[in-house]
Amino acid sequence: MLFYSFIIPVYNRPEEIRELLDSFLNLEAEGLQYEIIIIEDGSTITSEKVAEDFKDKLPVIYYKKENSGPGPSRNFGMKRANGNYFIILDSDVILPADYLQNVHNFLARDYADCYGGADKAHPSFSPIQKAINFSMTSFLTTGGIRGRKKSLEKFKPRSFNMGISKKAFQATEGFSNMRVGEDLDLSIRLEKADFSIVFIPKAFVFHKRRSSWKSFFKQVYNFGKGRPVLNKWYPHTFSFVFWFPSLFLIGFIFSVFLLLGFQLHIFMSLYFIYFLLIFVSSSFENKSLKIGFLSIYASFLQFFGYGLGYLKSIFFIKLQQKEPRDVFPELFKK
């Protein structure tokens, strides 16, 4: 019998926890065992009062600890969980009512020691959040690697929506102390240890992601820096797909140079066509021309930030053979 433990680290985001716990009130879980473990990761603005407000309505267990980053905080929660299957969520998600039932139905039919699901934009999200969601999930921008059956890279679960059995957690010792890419690192180690990993199409969450352009750029910039670190540790995981954002960035700068210096429009025209496809696709998907326009900007920021971070990381780690922890200490917990 599967007993599910939801593992949710939080840092200075009590209102997100309240919104997430509100969604748990509508969870369809008849006959299923579950608990909700909230790990306060050294916050100065705690969620303790929020957790207390829901204890009479939900099986909430609240822990407070010193700051250690998301990975170690999840490990902290899993070590203290009562369940035998852990469901890891970010604090900025909202659960659809049928989420747990969909997970259970899939695992009961086709069990796996690790699963991941996709993320979508909730109707209540802001236009910027919906545009960022599109840029991070569309096949046009990410190739479907963040949660689609068909993608340019083998699917690896992300920690905003990820399940792992107690057996797999104990065998791998869970997440590393990386602050960026810790979920991919765990997925790679699970794969190397021959644990089964699946994508559950119906197990999606509504994921807020970042609410400002500045924070979104910083996030994807760090993602770009983190990828060569993982490729250095696990050379077999390298894919030419990871170069796409950097090539996009270099090509765009080169196209602007040709346009302004030599009045050559051909290359910039290709970018125009690509951004037009993004606009049409996002406008249709979100039923909003405004979000379509914002998706162009979100996609450009995504490529620019990730591509810049990737190139910087390649320069120091690949070309200069620097130690990742020395060059990018911000990517690791001290």
Protein backbone atom coordinates (compact mmCIF):
# COMPACT_ATOMS: atom_id res chain seq x y z
CA MET A 1 0.00 0.00 0.00
CA LEU A 2 1.43 3.36 -1.01
CA PHE A 3 1.55 6.06 1.64
CA TYR A 4 2.37 9.43 0.07
CA SER A 5 4.42 12.10 1.85
CA PHE A 6 4.33 15.53 0.19
CA ILE A 7 7.70 17.23 0.77
CA ILE A 8 7.55 21.02 0.48
CA PRO A 9 10.50 23.26 1.43
CA VAL A 10 9.72 26.96 1.82
CA TYR A 11 11.80 30.10 2.21
CA ASN A 12 10.08 33.41 3.08
CA ARG A 13 6.90 32.57 1.15
CA PRO A 14 4.00 32.05 3.57
CA GLU A 15 1.36 33.28 1.13
CA GLU A 16 2.47 30.69 -1.45
CA ILE A 17 2.15 27.96 1.18
CA ARG A 18 -1.35 29.19 2.04
CA GLU A 19 -2.39 29.05 -1.61
CA LEU A 20 -0.90 25.57 -2.01
CA LEU A 21 -2.59 24.25 1.13
CA ASP A 22 -5.87 25.77 -0.04
CA SER A 23 -5.57 23.60 -3.17
CA PHE A 24 -5.05 20.53 -0.95
CA LEU A 25 -8.52 21.13 0.52
CA ASN A 26 -9.99 20.17 -2.85
CA LEU A 27 -7.72 17.17 -3.38
CA GLU A 28 -9.51 13.99 -4.45
CA ALA A 29 -7.87 11.39 -2.20
CA GLU A 30 -10.59 9.03 -1.05
CA GLY A 31 -9.00 5.82 0.22
CA LEU A 32 -5.46 7.19 -0.20
CA GLN A 33 -3.00 7.79 2.61
CA TYR A 34 -0.99 10.99 2.54
CA GLU A 35 0.68 13.61 4.72
CA ILE A 36 2.02 17.11 4.01
CA ILE A 37 5.47 17.93 5.34
CA ILE A 38 6.49 21.59 5.24
CA ILE A 39 10.15 22.38 5.86
CA GLU A 40 10.91 25.98 6.82
CA ASP A 41 14.41 26.55 5.43
CA GLY A 42 15.71 29.25 7.76
CA SER A 43 13.10 31.81 6.75
CA THR A 44 12.87 35.23 8.39
CA ILE A 45 9.20 35.39 7.33
CA THR A 46 7.88 32.01 8.42
CA SER A 47 4.89 29.90 7.37
CA GLU A 48 4.32 28.54 10.86
CA LYS A 49 1.04 30.40 11.38
CA VAL A 50 -0.19 29.26 7.96
CA ALA A 51 0.61 25.61 8.75
CA GLU A 52 -1.15 25.98 12.12
CA ASP A 53 -4.27 27.33 10.39
CA PHE A 54 -4.59 24.14 8.31
CA LYS A 55 -3.72 21.49 10.93
CA ASP A 56 -7.36 20.82 11.73
CA LYS A 57 -8.22 20.41 8.06
CA LEU A 58 -5.18 18.65 6.59
CA PRO A 59 -2.48 16.19 7.77
CA VAL A 60 0.17 18.91 7.98
CA ILE A 61 3.52 18.41 9.71
CA TYR A 62 5.67 21.52 10.09
CA TYR A 63 9.43 21.60 10.66
CA LYS A 64 11.68 24.61 11.17
CA LYS A 65 15.44 24.41 10.53
CA GLU A 66 18.49 26.49 9.67
CA ASN A 67 18.95 27.51 6.05
CA SER A 68 20.59 24.84 3.89
CA GLY A 69 19.07 25.30 0.44
CA PRO A 70 16.27 23.38 -1.29
CA GLY A 71 17.99 20.01 -1.82
CA PRO A 72 19.13 19.38 1.76
CA SER A 73 15.77 20.69 3.03
CA ARG A 74 13.94 18.09 0.94
CA ASN A 75 16.27 15.40 2.30
CA PHE A 76 15.49 16.65 5.82
CA GLY A 77 11.78 16.19 5.18
CA MET A 78 12.12 12.76 3.54
CA LYS A 79 14.19 11.43 6.45
CA ARG A 80 11.35 12.33 8.82
CA ALA A 81 8.44 11.31 6.59
CA ASN A 82 6.10 8.48 7.53
CA GLY A 83 5.27 7.55 3.95
CA ASN A 84 6.96 5.13 1.56
CA TYR A 85 6.60 7.36 -1.52
CA PHE A 86 7.63 11.00 -1.50
CA ILE A 87 6.07 13.69 -3.68
CA ILE A 88 8.29 16.77 -3.95
CA LEU A 89 6.70 20.12 -4.72
CA ASP A 90 7.89 23.71 -4.83
CA SER A 91 6.06 26.16 -2.60
CA ASP A 92 4.87 28.17 -5.62
CA VAL A 93 2.63 25.50 -7.12
CA ILE A 94 -1.10 24.85 -6.97
CA LEU A 95 -2.46 21.30 -7.21
CA PRO A 96 -5.33 20.32 -9.49
CA ALA A 97 -8.00 18.41 -7.55
CA ASP A 98 -7.25 15.11 -9.34
CA TYR A 99 -3.44 15.29 -9.01
CA LEU A 100 -2.90 12.60 -6.37
CA GLN A 101 -5.53 10.31 -7.85
CA ASN A 102 -3.84 10.52 -11.26
CA VAL A 103 -0.44 9.75 -9.71
CA HIS A 104 -1.83 6.79 -7.76
CA ASN A 105 -3.74 5.35 -10.73
CA PHE A 106 -0.58 5.44 -12.85
CA LEU A 107 1.70 3.92 -10.22
CA ALA A 108 -0.83 1.22 -9.38
CA ARG A 109 -0.87 0.23 -13.05
CA ASP A 110 2.78 0.84 -14.00
CA TYR A 111 4.92 1.34 -10.89
CA ALA A 112 8.13 3.34 -11.08
CA ASP A 113 10.55 4.47 -8.39
CA CYS A 114 10.61 8.01 -9.72
CA TYR A 115 8.19 10.09 -11.75
CA GLY A 116 7.85 13.63 -12.96
CA GLY A 117 5.03 15.69 -14.36
CA ALA A 118 4.54 18.86 -16.34
CA ASP A 119 3.47 22.33 -15.25
CA LYS A 120 0.85 24.68 -16.58
CA ALA A 121 -0.35 28.22 -16.01
CA HIS A 122 -3.39 28.67 -13.78
CA PRO A 123 -6.10 31.06 -15.05
CA SER A 124 -5.42 33.30 -12.02
CA PHE A 125 -1.76 33.84 -12.95
CA SER A 126 -0.58 37.25 -14.15
CA PRO A 127 0.12 37.85 -17.87
CA ILE A 128 3.89 37.83 -17.16
CA GLN A 129 3.64 34.50 -15.33
CA LYS A 130 1.63 33.01 -18.20
CA ALA A 131 4.19 34.27 -20.74
CA ILE A 132 7.07 32.85 -18.70
CA ASN A 133 5.22 29.56 -18.40
CA PHE A 134 4.82 29.42 -22.16
CA SER A 135 8.50 30.13 -22.80
CA MET A 136 9.55 27.43 -20.31
CA THR A 137 7.18 24.71 -21.52
CA SER A 138 6.56 25.23 -25.25
CA PHE A 139 8.11 22.84 -27.75
CA LEU A 140 9.09 25.94 -29.75
CA THR A 141 11.38 27.16 -26.96
CA THR A 142 12.55 24.19 -24.87
CA GLY A 143 11.96 21.26 -27.21
CA GLY A 144 9.57 19.73 -24.69
CA ILE A 145 12.33 18.61 -22.29
CA ARG A 146 10.47 19.96 -19.25
CA GLY A 147 7.49 17.65 -19.52
CA ARG A 148 6.24 16.20 -22.79
CA LYS A 149 6.04 12.70 -24.19
CA LYS A 150 7.87 13.86 -27.29
CA SER A 151 10.99 15.92 -26.68
CA LEU A 152 14.51 16.56 -27.93
CA GLU A 153 16.05 15.03 -24.79
CA LYS A 154 15.16 12.13 -22.53
CA PHE A 155 12.77 13.35 -19.85
CA LYS A 156 14.17 14.04 -16.40
CA PRO A 157 11.86 15.03 -13.52
CA ARG A 158 12.13 18.52 -12.04
CA SER A 159 11.77 19.15 -8.34
CA PHE A 160 8.71 21.41 -8.66
CA ASN A 161 6.73 18.22 -9.45
CA MET A 162 8.58 15.01 -8.74
CA GLY A 163 7.99 11.71 -6.98
CA ILE A 164 10.56 9.28 -5.56
CA SER A 165 10.14 6.07 -3.60
CA LYS A 166 11.62 5.72 -0.13
CA LYS A 167 13.77 2.87 -1.44
CA ALA A 168 15.24 5.07 -4.20
CA PHE A 169 15.83 7.93 -1.77
CA GLN A 170 17.70 5.71 0.65
CA ALA A 171 19.82 4.20 -2.13
CA THR A 172 20.87 7.58 -3.59
CA GLU A 173 20.79 9.64 -0.37
CA GLY A 174 18.56 12.14 -2.14
CA PHE A 175 19.51 15.59 -3.35
CA SER A 176 23.01 17.04 -3.43
CA ASN A 177 23.95 20.46 -2.02
CA MET A 178 23.61 22.11 -5.44
CA ARG A 179 21.28 25.11 -5.44
CA VAL A 180 20.71 24.88 -9.21
CA GLY A 181 20.31 21.61 -11.09
CA GLU A 182 20.02 19.48 -7.95
CA ASP A 183 16.93 17.76 -9.38
CA LEU A 184 18.70 16.84 -12.63
CA ASP A 185 21.67 15.59 -10.62
CA LEU A 186 19.37 13.28 -8.64
CA SER A 187 17.59 12.08 -11.79
CA ILE A 188 20.94 11.18 -13.37
CA ARG A 189 22.05 9.25 -10.28
CA LEU A 190 18.71 7.43 -10.12
CA GLU A 191 19.12 6.45 -13.75
CA LYS A 192 22.68 5.21 -13.15
CA ALA A 193 21.40 3.12 -10.22
CA ASP A 194 18.85 1.47 -12.57
CA PHE A 195 15.77 2.93 -10.90
CA SER A 196 12.83 3.38 -13.25
CA ILE A 197 11.86 6.95 -14.16
CA VAL A 198 8.59 7.83 -15.91
CA PHE A 199 6.63 10.85 -17.06
CA ILE A 200 3.00 10.93 -15.89
CA PRO A 201 1.08 13.11 -18.37
CA LYS A 202 -1.93 13.72 -16.11
CA ALA A 203 0.18 14.59 -13.05
CA PHE A 204 0.63 18.26 -13.84
CA VAL A 205 0.72 21.19 -11.43
CA PHE A 206 0.05 24.89 -11.83
CA HIS A 207 3.47 26.49 -11.37
CA LYS A 208 3.83 30.21 -10.74
CA ARG A 209 7.55 30.40 -11.49
CA ARG A 210 8.94 33.95 -11.37
CA SER A 211 6.74 37.03 -11.23
CA SER A 212 9.23 39.58 -12.62
CA TRP A 213 11.49 39.75 -15.65
CA LYS A 214 14.56 40.39 -13.50
CA SER A 215 14.07 37.30 -11.33
CA PHE A 216 13.27 35.18 -14.39
CA PHE A 217 16.46 36.28 -16.15
CA LYS A 218 18.51 35.50 -13.03
CA GLN A 219 16.93 32.04 -12.79
CA VAL A 220 17.62 31.00 -16.40
CA TYR A 221 21.11 32.54 -16.23
CA ASN A 222 21.88 30.24 -13.29
CA PHE A 223 20.33 27.30 -15.15
CA GLY A 224 22.75 27.98 -17.99
CA LYS A 225 25.73 28.09 -15.64
CA GLY A 226 24.67 24.86 -13.98
CA ARG A 227 24.33 22.67 -17.06
CA PRO A 228 28.08 22.38 -17.92
CA VAL A 229 28.69 21.48 -14.27
CA LEU A 230 26.41 18.45 -14.64
CA ASN A 231 28.00 17.59 -18.00
CA LYS A 232 31.45 17.68 -16.36
CA TRP A 233 30.33 15.29 -13.64
CA TYR A 234 28.31 13.08 -15.99
CA PRO A 235 29.83 13.34 -19.51
CA HIS A 236 27.32 10.88 -20.96
CA THR A 237 24.51 13.40 -20.35
CA PHE A 238 25.85 15.96 -22.81
CA SER A 239 23.59 16.84 -25.70
CA PHE A 240 24.07 19.36 -28.49
CA VAL A 241 20.58 20.63 -27.60
CA PHE A 242 22.13 22.46 -24.63
CA TRP A 243 24.03 24.68 -27.06
CA PHE A 244 20.87 25.97 -28.77
CA PRO A 245 20.30 29.05 -26.53
CA SER A 246 23.96 30.11 -26.85
CA LEU A 247 23.89 29.66 -30.63
CA PHE A 248 20.62 31.61 -30.69
CA LEU A 249 22.29 34.45 -28.77
CA ILE A 250 25.41 34.49 -30.96
CA GLY A 251 23.33 34.29 -34.12
CA PHE A 252 21.09 37.16 -33.02
CA ILE A 253 24.06 39.45 -32.32
CA PHE A 254 25.60 38.48 -35.67
CA SER A 255 22.27 39.17 -37.46
CA VAL A 256 22.00 42.63 -35.90
CA PHE A 257 25.58 43.37 -37.01
CA LEU A 258 24.82 42.31 -40.60
CA LEU A 259 21.60 44.30 -40.62
CA LEU A 260 23.09 47.54 -39.31
CA GLY A 261 26.47 47.27 -41.03
CA PHE A 262 25.60 45.76 -44.39
CA GLN A 263 21.79 46.01 -44.68
CA LEU A 264 21.54 42.22 -44.93
CA HIS A 265 18.05 41.29 -43.78
CA ILE A 266 17.97 37.56 -44.40
CA PHE A 267 19.18 36.33 -41.01
CA MET A 268 17.14 38.82 -39.01
CA SER A 269 14.13 37.80 -41.08
CA LEU A 270 14.55 34.22 -39.81
CA TYR A 271 14.43 35.50 -36.23
CA PHE A 272 11.35 37.54 -37.08
CA ILE A 273 9.61 34.42 -38.41
CA TYR A 274 10.57 32.46 -35.30
CA PHE A 275 9.25 35.15 -32.93
CA LEU A 276 6.09 35.36 -35.04
CA LEU A 277 5.54 31.63 -34.49
CA ILE A 278 5.94 32.15 -30.75
CA PHE A 279 3.46 35.03 -30.82
CA VAL A 280 0.84 33.06 -32.76
CA SER A 281 1.28 29.89 -30.70
CA SER A 282 1.15 31.65 -27.33
CA SER A 283 -1.73 33.91 -28.34
CA PHE A 284 -3.74 30.90 -29.43
CA GLU A 285 -2.82 28.82 -26.36
CA ASN A 286 -3.52 31.62 -23.87
CA LYS A 287 -6.32 33.24 -25.87
CA SER A 288 -4.60 36.59 -25.46
CA LEU A 289 -2.64 38.79 -27.88
CA LYS A 290 -1.03 40.54 -24.91
CA ILE A 291 0.37 37.29 -23.56
CA GLY A 292 1.49 36.45 -27.09
CA PHE A 293 3.59 39.63 -27.21
CA LEU A 294 4.91 39.06 -23.68
CA SER A 295 5.89 35.51 -24.66
CA ILE A 296 8.23 36.91 -27.30
CA TYR A 297 10.04 38.90 -24.63
CA ALA A 298 10.01 35.98 -22.17
CA SER A 299 11.48 33.65 -24.81
CA PHE A 300 14.17 36.16 -25.73
CA LEU A 301 15.13 36.58 -22.06
CA GLN A 302 15.18 32.82 -21.62
CA PHE A 303 17.54 32.26 -24.55
CA PHE A 304 19.70 35.26 -23.70
CA GLY A 305 20.01 34.40 -19.99
CA TYR A 306 20.55 30.67 -20.40
CA GLY A 307 22.85 31.12 -23.38
CA LEU A 308 24.99 33.71 -21.59
CA GLY A 309 25.26 31.56 -18.47
CA TYR A 310 26.10 28.47 -20.51
CA LEU A 311 28.87 30.25 -22.43
CA LYS A 312 30.36 31.64 -19.23
CA SER A 313 30.32 28.22 -17.62
CA ILE A 314 31.85 26.54 -20.69
CA PHE A 315 34.66 29.12 -20.70
CA PHE A 316 35.66 28.55 -17.07
CA ILE A 317 34.84 24.85 -16.64
CA LYS A 318 35.55 23.37 -20.06
CA LEU A 319 38.24 25.65 -21.49
CA GLN A 320 40.04 26.72 -18.33
CA GLN A 321 39.34 23.50 -16.43
CA LYS A 322 38.29 25.36 -13.29
CA GLU A 323 36.61 23.64 -10.37
CA PRO A 324 32.84 24.48 -10.49
CA ARG A 325 32.61 25.18 -6.75
CA ASP A 326 35.48 27.68 -7.01
CA VAL A 327 34.12 29.52 -10.04
CA PHE A 328 30.41 29.50 -9.16
CA PRO A 329 30.09 29.24 -5.37
CA GLU A 330 26.57 30.69 -5.65
CA LEU A 331 25.42 27.43 -7.27
CA PHE A 332 26.29 25.44 -4.16
CA LYS A 333 25.35 25.54 -0.52
CA LYS A 334 28.37 26.51 1.60
